[in-house]
Amino acid sequence: SNEHSRSAKERHAASITIAIFTATCLICNLPYFVSSILEILRWLKADWFNTDANIFSIWYSSPIFFVFLTVLNAVVNPVLYFCRMTYVRQWFSELWKKDSVHKN
């Protein structure tokens, strides 16, 4: 029963970690995907899509969505690994100890 409880807690923690990583990825990449779809619609010159009003927003938002949010995602991922996964913290701690021993 204790083993089952521990296993359930580990699965729950893993599910939360996966949800956090998925949400981070979506938050950082969804604006770019939406911007790309809007650009494709502008390129196709869809009659129902007002292209003139959105050219500025597409050109302005693309660098922000593509560069900043992609870099933000790349920066946040290691932080999330460190915060959410015990074995990553243990590995980093051991690595830090080994590095400090070699410096002395």
Protein backbone atom coordinates (compact mmCIF):
# COMPACT_ATOMS: atom_id res chain seq x y z
CA SER A 1 0.00 0.00 0.00
CA ASN A 2 2.85 2.36 0.86
CA GLU A 3 4.57 1.45 -2.41
CA HIS A 4 1.33 2.10 -4.30
CA SER A 5 0.96 5.49 -2.59
CA ARG A 6 4.52 6.46 -3.51
CA SER A 7 4.00 5.35 -7.10
CA ALA A 8 0.78 7.39 -7.33
CA LYS A 9 2.57 10.47 -5.93
CA GLU A 10 5.39 10.06 -8.46
CA ARG A 11 2.92 9.74 -11.34
CA HIS A 12 1.05 12.82 -10.09
CA ALA A 13 4.29 14.82 -9.86
CA ALA A 14 5.31 13.65 -13.33
CA SER A 15 1.90 14.66 -14.71
CA ILE A 16 2.23 18.13 -13.20
CA THR A 17 5.75 18.47 -14.63
CA ILE A 18 4.57 17.44 -18.10
CA ALA A 19 1.65 19.89 -17.85
CA ILE A 20 4.01 22.73 -16.87
CA PHE A 21 6.40 21.98 -19.75
CA THR A 22 3.50 21.71 -22.20
CA ALA A 23 1.94 24.97 -21.02
CA THR A 24 5.30 26.75 -21.25
CA CYS A 25 5.85 25.46 -24.76
CA LEU A 26 2.36 26.50 -25.84
CA ILE A 27 2.62 29.94 -24.25
CA CYS A 28 5.95 30.56 -25.93
CA ASN A 29 5.13 29.10 -29.35
CA LEU A 30 1.40 29.58 -29.90
CA PRO A 31 1.70 33.32 -30.71
CA TYR A 32 4.22 32.50 -33.43
CA PHE A 33 1.98 29.83 -34.91
CA VAL A 34 -1.01 32.19 -34.91
CA SER A 35 1.15 34.91 -36.49
CA SER A 36 2.29 32.44 -39.16
CA ILE A 37 -1.29 31.45 -39.94
CA LEU A 38 -2.20 35.12 -40.26
CA GLU A 39 0.75 35.61 -42.61
CA ILE A 40 -0.35 32.64 -44.73
CA LEU A 41 -3.88 34.06 -44.91
CA ARG A 42 -2.44 37.43 -45.95
CA TRP A 43 -0.30 35.68 -48.54
CA LEU A 44 -3.32 33.83 -49.89
CA LYS A 45 -5.17 37.15 -49.92
CA ALA A 46 -8.30 35.65 -48.51
CA ASP A 47 -11.23 37.93 -49.31
CA TRP A 48 -12.67 37.75 -45.81
CA PHE A 49 -9.31 38.60 -44.23
CA ASN A 50 -8.47 42.29 -43.98
CA THR A 51 -4.83 42.22 -45.07
CA ASP A 52 -4.09 45.97 -45.00
CA ALA A 53 -4.95 46.38 -41.34
CA ASN A 54 -2.79 43.47 -40.22
CA ILE A 55 0.46 43.92 -42.19
CA PHE A 56 1.99 46.14 -39.50
CA SER A 57 0.97 43.85 -36.67
CA ILE A 58 2.33 40.81 -38.49
CA TRP A 59 5.68 42.44 -39.27
CA TYR A 60 5.95 43.89 -35.77
CA SER A 61 4.89 40.78 -33.92
CA SER A 62 6.98 38.26 -35.87
CA PRO A 63 10.37 39.19 -34.35
CA ILE A 64 8.85 39.29 -30.88
CA PHE A 65 7.08 35.98 -31.25
CA PHE A 66 9.83 34.20 -33.13
CA VAL A 67 12.95 35.46 -31.36
CA PHE A 68 11.99 36.57 -27.87
CA LEU A 69 9.50 33.86 -26.99
CA THR A 70 11.63 31.11 -28.52
CA VAL A 71 14.64 32.25 -26.50
CA LEU A 72 12.43 32.58 -23.42
CA ASN A 73 11.29 28.98 -23.87
CA ALA A 74 14.92 27.84 -24.18
CA VAL A 75 15.84 29.73 -21.00
CA VAL A 76 12.86 28.56 -18.97
CA ASN A 77 13.22 24.85 -19.79
CA PRO A 78 16.47 24.25 -17.83
CA VAL A 79 15.06 26.24 -14.91
CA LEU A 80 11.95 24.06 -14.94
CA TYR A 81 14.09 20.91 -15.07
CA PHE A 82 16.09 22.14 -12.10
CA CYS A 83 13.00 23.12 -10.09
CA ARG A 84 10.83 20.11 -10.86
CA MET A 85 13.23 17.16 -11.03
CA THR A 86 15.11 16.01 -7.96
CA TYR A 87 17.68 13.96 -9.85
CA VAL A 88 18.64 17.02 -11.94
CA ARG A 89 19.27 19.00 -8.75
CA GLN A 90 21.30 16.09 -7.34
CA TRP A 91 23.32 15.77 -10.54
CA PHE A 92 24.01 19.52 -10.59
CA SER A 93 25.00 19.45 -6.91
CA GLU A 94 27.45 16.59 -7.53
CA LEU A 95 28.83 18.36 -10.59
CA TRP A 96 29.30 21.55 -8.57
CA LYS A 97 31.12 19.63 -5.80
CA LYS A 98 33.43 17.94 -8.32
CA ASP A 99 34.19 21.26 -9.98
CA SER A 100 35.01 22.96 -6.68
CA VAL A 101 37.33 20.05 -5.70
CA HIS A 102 39.27 20.37 -8.98
CA LYS A 103 39.74 24.12 -8.48
CA ASN A 104 41.37 23.65 -5.07
